Amino acid sequence: MKHRPDRTRLLRDAKFSVLFIGGHDDPAVPLETLLPQLALPAQSHALLLRSVGHLGFIEAPELTQQAVLDFTAGVFGE
């Protein structure tokens, strides 16, 4: 991840809604790196998990799953 090319252009040009899921304690993607990216897409949603590192789907599976379900319901309808 550390050496991959910058893809922020994809976020800026997104014609779709983007869901960000981040952990307050993530050493790989610190909040100070993630927060500016939230403003790049025209429409974005964020779940920022307290006491969670890089693996929110493992560390907070219920919250993460509900966020994904809510996001997809909003994007694709019920």
PDB file of N, CA and C in Angstrom:
ATOM      1  N   MET A   1       0.811  -1.191   0.000  1.00  0.00           N
ATOM      2  CA  MET A   1       0.000   0.000   0.000  1.00  0.00           C
ATOM      3  C   MET A   1       0.855   1.255   0.000  1.00  0.00           C
ATOM      4  N   LYS A   2       1.935   1.190   0.738  1.00  0.00           N
ATOM      5  CA  LYS A   2       2.779   2.366   0.909  1.00  0.00           C
ATOM      6  C   LYS A   2       3.367   2.844  -0.417  1.00  0.00           C
ATOM      7  N   HIS A   3       3.601   1.921  -1.344  1.00  0.00           N
ATOM      8  CA  HIS A   3       4.300   2.253  -2.583  1.00  0.00           C
ATOM      9  C   HIS A   3       3.393   2.292  -3.813  1.00  0.00           C
ATOM     10  N   ARG A   4       2.097   2.251  -3.604  1.00  0.00           N
ATOM     11  CA  ARG A   4       1.227   2.274  -4.778  1.00  0.00           C
ATOM     12  C   ARG A   4       1.042   3.711  -5.265  1.00  0.00           C
ATOM     13  N   PRO A   5       0.670   3.878  -6.536  1.00  0.00           N
ATOM     14  CA  PRO A   5       0.511   5.231  -7.090  1.00  0.00           C
ATOM     15  C   PRO A   5      -0.666   5.979  -6.469  1.00  0.00           C
ATOM     16  N   ASP A   6      -0.604   7.280  -6.538  1.00  0.00           N
ATOM     17  CA  ASP A   6      -1.657   8.158  -6.023  1.00  0.00           C
ATOM     18  C   ASP A   6      -2.908   7.997  -6.888  1.00  0.00           C
ATOM     19  N   ARG A   7      -4.031   7.689  -6.250  1.00  0.00           N
ATOM     20  CA  ARG A   7      -5.299   7.506  -6.967  1.00  0.00           C
ATOM     21  C   ARG A   7      -6.346   8.536  -6.540  1.00  0.00           C
ATOM     22  N   THR A   8      -5.920   9.643  -5.952  1.00  0.00           N
ATOM     23  CA  THR A   8      -6.892  10.633  -5.500  1.00  0.00           C
ATOM     24  C   THR A   8      -7.698  11.221  -6.660  1.00  0.00           C
ATOM     25  N   ARG A   9      -7.148  11.203  -7.841  1.00  0.00           N
ATOM     26  CA  ARG A   9      -7.896  11.690  -9.014  1.00  0.00           C
ATOM     27  C   ARG A   9      -9.180  10.888  -9.204  1.00  0.00           C
ATOM     28  N   LEU A  10      -9.122   9.593  -8.955  1.00  0.00           N
ATOM     29  CA  LEU A  10     -10.308   8.747  -9.057  1.00  0.00           C
ATOM     30  C   LEU A  10     -11.393   9.249  -8.102  1.00  0.00           C
ATOM     31  N   LEU A  11     -10.999   9.625  -6.894  1.00  0.00           N
ATOM     32  CA  LEU A  11     -11.967  10.150  -5.926  1.00  0.00           C
ATOM     33  C   LEU A  11     -12.533  11.491  -6.386  1.00  0.00           C
ATOM     34  N   ARG A  12     -11.692  12.372  -6.881  1.00  0.00           N
ATOM     35  CA  ARG A  12     -12.151  13.685  -7.355  1.00  0.00           C
ATOM     36  C   ARG A  12     -13.107  13.565  -8.527  1.00  0.00           C
ATOM     37  N   ASP A  13     -12.866  12.606  -9.400  1.00  0.00           N
ATOM     38  CA  ASP A  13     -13.678  12.449 -10.613  1.00  0.00           C
ATOM     39  C   ASP A  13     -14.867  11.504 -10.430  1.00  0.00           C
ATOM     40  N   ALA A  14     -15.046  10.948  -9.246  1.00  0.00           N
ATOM     41  CA  ALA A  14     -16.082   9.939  -9.012  1.00  0.00           C
ATOM     42  C   ALA A  14     -17.474  10.484  -9.334  1.00  0.00           C
ATOM     43  N   LYS A  15     -18.189   9.751 -10.132  1.00  0.00           N
ATOM     44  CA  LYS A  15     -19.582  10.082 -10.478  1.00  0.00           C
ATOM     45  C   LYS A  15     -20.531   9.226  -9.646  1.00  0.00           C
ATOM     46  N   PHE A  16     -20.029   8.685  -8.567  1.00  0.00           N
ATOM     47  CA  PHE A  16     -20.776   7.789  -7.697  1.00  0.00           C
ATOM     48  C   PHE A  16     -20.460   8.153  -6.250  1.00  0.00           C
ATOM     49  N   SER A  17     -21.298   7.703  -5.360  1.00  0.00           N
ATOM     50  CA  SER A  17     -21.103   7.949  -3.939  1.00  0.00           C
ATOM     51  C   SER A  17     -19.996   7.030  -3.406  1.00  0.00           C
ATOM     52  N   VAL A  18     -19.199   7.547  -2.483  1.00  0.00           N
ATOM     53  CA  VAL A  18     -18.063   6.804  -1.937  1.00  0.00           C
ATOM     54  C   VAL A  18     -18.231   6.668  -0.427  1.00  0.00           C
ATOM     55  N   LEU A  19     -18.028   5.454   0.072  1.00  0.00           N
ATOM     56  CA  LEU A  19     -18.065   5.201   1.510  1.00  0.00           C
ATOM     57  C   LEU A  19     -16.639   5.005   2.004  1.00  0.00           C
ATOM     58  N   PHE A  20     -16.247   5.807   2.980  1.00  0.00           N
ATOM     59  CA  PHE A  20     -14.951   5.675   3.630  1.00  0.00           C
ATOM     60  C   PHE A  20     -15.178   5.027   4.993  1.00  0.00           C
ATOM     61  N   ILE A  21     -14.385   4.032   5.319  1.00  0.00           N
ATOM     62  CA  ILE A  21     -14.413   3.428   6.652  1.00  0.00           C
ATOM     63  C   ILE A  21     -12.997   3.511   7.185  1.00  0.00           C
ATOM     64  N   GLY A  22     -12.847   4.181   8.308  1.00  0.00           N
ATOM     65  CA  GLY A  22     -11.512   4.367   8.875  1.00  0.00           C
ATOM     66  C   GLY A  22     -11.514   4.168  10.373  1.00  0.00           C
ATOM     67  N   GLY A  23     -10.350   3.822  10.887  1.00  0.00           N
ATOM     68  CA  GLY A  23     -10.188   3.648  12.318  1.00  0.00           C
ATOM     69  C   GLY A  23      -9.367   4.780  12.904  1.00  0.00           C
ATOM     70  N   HIS A  24      -9.773   5.268  14.052  1.00  0.00           N
ATOM     71  CA  HIS A  24      -9.041   6.345  14.722  1.00  0.00           C
ATOM     72  C   HIS A  24      -7.606   5.939  15.054  1.00  0.00           C
ATOM     73  N   ASP A  25      -7.374   4.646  15.247  1.00  0.00           N
ATOM     74  CA  ASP A  25      -6.054   4.164  15.647  1.00  0.00           C
ATOM     75  C   ASP A  25      -5.313   3.460  14.506  1.00  0.00           C
ATOM     76  N   ASP A  26      -5.651   3.789  13.280  1.00  0.00           N
ATOM     77  CA  ASP A  26      -5.044   3.131  12.116  1.00  0.00           C
ATOM     78  C   ASP A  26      -3.653   3.694  11.844  1.00  0.00           C
ATOM     79  N   PRO A  27      -2.611   2.879  12.007  1.00  0.00           N
ATOM     80  CA  PRO A  27      -1.263   3.360  11.717  1.00  0.00           C
ATOM     81  C   PRO A  27      -0.963   3.413  10.212  1.00  0.00           C
ATOM     82  N   ALA A  28      -1.693   2.635   9.410  1.00  0.00           N
ATOM     83  CA  ALA A  28      -1.446   2.592   7.964  1.00  0.00           C
ATOM     84  C   ALA A  28      -2.066   3.783   7.245  1.00  0.00           C
ATOM     85  N   VAL A  29      -3.258   4.198   7.678  1.00  0.00           N
ATOM     86  CA  VAL A  29      -3.951   5.338   7.081  1.00  0.00           C
ATOM     87  C   VAL A  29      -4.435   6.227   8.233  1.00  0.00           C
ATOM     88  N   PRO A  30      -3.555   7.076   8.745  1.00  0.00           N
ATOM     89  CA  PRO A  30      -3.941   7.937   9.871  1.00  0.00           C
ATOM     90  C   PRO A  30      -5.067   8.898   9.478  1.00  0.00           C
ATOM     91  N   LEU A  31      -5.844   9.312  10.468  1.00  0.00           N
ATOM     92  CA  LEU A  31      -6.962  10.221  10.197  1.00  0.00           C
ATOM     93  C   LEU A  31      -6.524  11.488   9.482  1.00  0.00           C
ATOM     94  N   GLU A  32      -5.347  12.010   9.812  1.00  0.00           N
ATOM     95  CA  GLU A  32      -4.902  13.237   9.138  1.00  0.00           C
ATOM     96  C   GLU A  32      -4.657  13.015   7.644  1.00  0.00           C
ATOM     97  N   THR A  33      -4.492  11.764   7.234  1.00  0.00           N
ATOM     98  CA  THR A  33      -4.391  11.426   5.813  1.00  0.00           C
ATOM     99  C   THR A  33      -5.778  11.184   5.218  1.00  0.00           C
ATOM    100  N   LEU A  34      -6.626  10.529   5.985  1.00  0.00           N
ATOM    101  CA  LEU A  34      -7.961  10.170   5.497  1.00  0.00           C
ATOM    102  C   LEU A  34      -8.906  11.364   5.401  1.00  0.00           C
ATOM    103  N   LEU A  35      -8.928  12.207   6.399  1.00  0.00           N
ATOM    104  CA  LEU A  35      -9.921  13.292   6.451  1.00  0.00           C
ATOM    105  C   LEU A  35      -9.928  14.194   5.214  1.00  0.00           C
ATOM    106  N   PRO A  36      -8.790  14.634   4.704  1.00  0.00           N
ATOM    107  CA  PRO A  36      -8.840  15.464   3.487  1.00  0.00           C
ATOM    108  C   PRO A  36      -9.430  14.727   2.277  1.00  0.00           C
ATOM    109  N   GLN A  37      -9.299  13.411   2.256  1.00  0.00           N
ATOM    110  CA  GLN A  37      -9.834  12.632   1.140  1.00  0.00           C
ATOM    111  C   GLN A  37     -11.359  12.585   1.148  1.00  0.00           C
ATOM    112  N   LEU A  38     -11.959  12.777   2.318  1.00  0.00           N
ATOM    113  CA  LEU A  38     -13.425  12.747   2.409  1.00  0.00           C
ATOM    114  C   LEU A  38     -14.071  13.835   1.561  1.00  0.00           C
ATOM    115  N   ALA A  39     -13.369  14.921   1.344  1.00  0.00           N
ATOM    116  CA  ALA A  39     -13.910  16.043   0.576  1.00  0.00           C
ATOM    117  C   ALA A  39     -13.696  15.896  -0.932  1.00  0.00           C
ATOM    118  N   LEU A  40     -12.957  14.905  -1.366  1.00  0.00           N
ATOM    119  CA  LEU A  40     -12.649  14.782  -2.794  1.00  0.00           C
ATOM    120  C   LEU A  40     -13.834  14.350  -3.656  1.00  0.00           C
ATOM    121  N   PRO A  41     -14.584  13.312  -3.288  1.00  0.00           N
ATOM    122  CA  PRO A  41     -15.728  12.940  -4.128  1.00  0.00           C
ATOM    123  C   PRO A  41     -16.859  13.961  -3.985  1.00  0.00           C
ATOM    124  N   ALA A  42     -17.678  14.060  -5.007  1.00  0.00           N
ATOM    125  CA  ALA A  42     -18.833  14.960  -4.943  1.00  0.00           C
ATOM    126  C   ALA A  42     -19.786  14.530  -3.836  1.00  0.00           C
ATOM    127  N   GLN A  43     -19.895  13.219  -3.627  1.00  0.00           N
ATOM    128  CA  GLN A  43     -20.755  12.711  -2.555  1.00  0.00           C
ATOM    129  C   GLN A  43     -20.004  11.614  -1.808  1.00  0.00           C
ATOM    130  N   SER A  44     -19.748  11.845  -0.534  1.00  0.00           N
ATOM    131  CA  SER A  44     -19.053  10.836   0.259  1.00  0.00           C
ATOM    132  C   SER A  44     -19.727  10.662   1.607  1.00  0.00           C
ATOM    133  N   HIS A  45     -19.513   9.501   2.177  1.00  0.00           N
ATOM    134  CA  HIS A  45     -20.024   9.137   3.495  1.00  0.00           C
ATOM    135  C   HIS A  45     -18.845   8.536   4.250  1.00  0.00           C
ATOM    136  N   ALA A  46     -18.856   8.674   5.573  1.00  0.00           N
ATOM    137  CA  ALA A  46     -17.730   8.167   6.345  1.00  0.00           C
ATOM    138  C   ALA A  46     -18.199   7.511   7.631  1.00  0.00           C
ATOM    139  N   LEU A  47     -17.538   6.421   7.961  1.00  0.00           N
ATOM    140  CA  LEU A  47     -17.671   5.775   9.259  1.00  0.00           C
ATOM    141  C   LEU A  47     -16.281   5.802   9.865  1.00  0.00           C
ATOM    142  N   LEU A  48     -16.110   6.569  10.932  1.00  0.00           N
ATOM    143  CA  LEU A  48     -14.821   6.673  11.617  1.00  0.00           C
ATOM    144  C   LEU A  48     -14.964   5.985  12.965  1.00  0.00           C
ATOM    145  N   LEU A  49     -14.254   4.892  13.122  1.00  0.00           N
ATOM    146  CA  LEU A  49     -14.420   4.009  14.267  1.00  0.00           C
ATOM    147  C   LEU A  49     -13.403   4.298  15.364  1.00  0.00           C
ATOM    148  N   ARG A  50     -13.894   4.537  16.566  1.00  0.00           N
ATOM    149  CA  ARG A  50     -13.021   4.748  17.727  1.00  0.00           C
ATOM    150  C   ARG A  50     -12.463   3.406  18.201  1.00  0.00           C
ATOM    151  N   SER A  51     -11.249   3.447  18.729  1.00  0.00           N
ATOM    152  CA  SER A  51     -10.576   2.249  19.265  1.00  0.00           C
ATOM    153  C   SER A  51     -10.450   1.148  18.222  1.00  0.00           C
ATOM    154  N   VAL A  52     -10.307   1.540  16.958  1.00  0.00           N
ATOM    155  CA  VAL A  52     -10.161   0.600  15.850  1.00  0.00           C
ATOM    156  C   VAL A  52      -8.951   1.019  15.038  1.00  0.00           C
ATOM    157  N   GLY A  53      -8.191   0.021  14.578  1.00  0.00           N
ATOM    158  CA  GLY A  53      -7.028   0.278  13.739  1.00  0.00           C
ATOM    159  C   GLY A  53      -7.392   0.166  12.272  1.00  0.00           C
ATOM    160  N   HIS A  54      -6.648  -0.650  11.539  1.00  0.00           N
ATOM    161  CA  HIS A  54      -6.777  -0.747  10.090  1.00  0.00           C
ATOM    162  C   HIS A  54      -7.821  -1.773   9.634  1.00  0.00           C
ATOM    163  N   LEU A  55      -8.272  -2.636  10.524  1.00  0.00           N
ATOM    164  CA  LEU A  55      -9.160  -3.727  10.112  1.00  0.00           C
ATOM    165  C   LEU A  55     -10.542  -3.596  10.760  1.00  0.00           C
ATOM    166  N   GLY A  56     -11.239  -2.544  10.417  1.00  0.00           N
ATOM    167  CA  GLY A  56     -12.552  -2.288  10.993  1.00  0.00           C
ATOM    168  C   GLY A  56     -13.523  -3.432  10.813  1.00  0.00           C
ATOM    169  N   PHE A  57     -13.447  -4.129   9.693  1.00  0.00           N
ATOM    170  CA  PHE A  57     -14.366  -5.234   9.442  1.00  0.00           C
ATOM    171  C   PHE A  57     -14.122  -6.406  10.388  1.00  0.00           C
ATOM    172  N   ILE A  58     -12.945  -6.466  10.998  1.00  0.00           N
ATOM    173  CA  ILE A  58     -12.637  -7.501  11.993  1.00  0.00           C
ATOM    174  C   ILE A  58     -12.795  -6.940  13.408  1.00  0.00           C
ATOM    175  N   GLU A  59     -12.323  -5.710  13.624  1.00  0.00           N
ATOM    176  CA  GLU A  59     -12.327  -5.108  14.948  1.00  0.00           C
ATOM    177  C   GLU A  59     -13.714  -4.607  15.370  1.00  0.00           C
ATOM    178  N   ALA A  60     -14.530  -4.210  14.431  1.00  0.00           N
ATOM    179  CA  ALA A  60     -15.891  -3.729  14.711  1.00  0.00           C
ATOM    180  C   ALA A  60     -16.821  -4.247  13.613  1.00  0.00           C
ATOM    181  N   PRO A  61     -16.989  -5.575  13.541  1.00  0.00           N
ATOM    182  CA  PRO A  61     -17.716  -6.152  12.408  1.00  0.00           C
ATOM    183  C   PRO A  61     -19.176  -5.714  12.310  1.00  0.00           C
ATOM    184  N   GLU A  62     -19.876  -5.577  13.441  1.00  0.00           N
ATOM    185  CA  GLU A  62     -21.291  -5.212  13.375  1.00  0.00           C
ATOM    186  C   GLU A  62     -21.468  -3.785  12.859  1.00  0.00           C
ATOM    187  N   LEU A  63     -20.666  -2.854  13.381  1.00  0.00           N
ATOM    188  CA  LEU A  63     -20.765  -1.458  12.924  1.00  0.00           C
ATOM    189  C   LEU A  63     -20.395  -1.325  11.450  1.00  0.00           C
ATOM    190  N   THR A  64     -19.357  -2.029  11.059  1.00  0.00           N
ATOM    191  CA  THR A  64     -18.902  -1.971   9.674  1.00  0.00           C
ATOM    192  C   THR A  64     -19.942  -2.567   8.734  1.00  0.00           C
ATOM    193  N   GLN A  65     -20.466  -3.715   9.099  1.00  0.00           N
ATOM    194  CA  GLN A  65     -21.484  -4.356   8.257  1.00  0.00           C
ATOM    195  C   GLN A  65     -22.719  -3.466   8.122  1.00  0.00           C
ATOM    196  N   GLN A  66     -23.162  -2.878   9.220  1.00  0.00           N
ATOM    197  CA  GLN A  66     -24.350  -2.019   9.158  1.00  0.00           C
ATOM    198  C   GLN A  66     -24.103  -0.791   8.286  1.00  0.00           C
ATOM    199  N   ALA A  67     -22.908  -0.226   8.378  1.00  0.00           N
ATOM    200  CA  ALA A  67     -22.577   0.937   7.541  1.00  0.00           C
ATOM    201  C   ALA A  67     -22.612   0.568   6.064  1.00  0.00           C
ATOM    202  N   VAL A  68     -22.081  -0.581   5.713  1.00  0.00           N
ATOM    203  CA  VAL A  68     -22.081  -1.013   4.312  1.00  0.00           C
ATOM    204  C   VAL A  68     -23.509  -1.277   3.842  1.00  0.00           C
ATOM    205  N   LEU A  69     -24.309  -1.931   4.693  1.00  0.00           N
ATOM    206  CA  LEU A  69     -25.706  -2.189   4.319  1.00  0.00           C
ATOM    207  C   LEU A  69     -26.490  -0.890   4.146  1.00  0.00           C
ATOM    208  N   ASP A  70     -26.308   0.049   5.077  1.00  0.00           N
ATOM    209  CA  ASP A  70     -26.994   1.340   4.980  1.00  0.00           C
ATOM    210  C   ASP A  70     -26.554   2.103   3.736  1.00  0.00           C
ATOM    211  N   PHE A  71     -25.260   2.081   3.466  1.00  0.00           N
ATOM    212  CA  PHE A  71     -24.719   2.777   2.298  1.00  0.00           C
ATOM    213  C   PHE A  71     -25.293   2.189   1.005  1.00  0.00           C
ATOM    214  N   THR A  72     -25.256   0.875   0.886  1.00  0.00           N
ATOM    215  CA  THR A  72     -25.758   0.260  -0.351  1.00  0.00           C
ATOM    216  C   THR A  72     -27.264   0.431  -0.488  1.00  0.00           C
ATOM    217  N   ALA A  73     -27.986   0.430   0.623  1.00  0.00           N
ATOM    218  CA  ALA A  73     -29.433   0.675   0.548  1.00  0.00           C
ATOM    219  C   ALA A  73     -29.712   2.084   0.052  1.00  0.00           C
ATOM    220  N   GLY A  74     -28.913   3.038   0.490  1.00  0.00           N
ATOM    221  CA  GLY A  74     -29.086   4.416   0.047  1.00  0.00           C
ATOM    222  C   GLY A  74     -28.680   4.635  -1.385  1.00  0.00           C
ATOM    223  N   VAL A  75     -27.671   3.929  -1.828  1.00  0.00           N
ATOM    224  CA  VAL A  75     -27.161   4.098  -3.182  1.00  0.00           C
ATOM    225  C   VAL A  75     -28.015   3.331  -4.190  1.00  0.00           C
ATOM    226  N   PHE A  76     -28.381   2.109  -3.848  1.00  0.00           N
ATOM    227  CA  PHE A  76     -29.073   1.239  -4.795  1.00  0.00           C
ATOM    228  C   PHE A  76     -30.559   1.100  -4.539  1.00  0.00           C
ATOM    229  N   GLY A  77     -31.086   1.736  -3.501  1.00  0.00           N
ATOM    230  CA  GLY A  77     -32.487   1.623  -3.154  1.00  0.00           C
ATOM    231  C   GLY A  77     -32.737   0.394  -2.288  1.00  0.00           C
ATOM    232  N   GLU A  78     -33.936   0.292  -1.773  1.00  0.00           N
ATOM    233  CA  GLU A  78     -34.264  -0.850  -0.892  1.00  0.00           C
ATOM    234  C   GLU A  78     -34.894  -1.966  -1.651  1.00  0.00           C
TER     235      GLU A  78
END
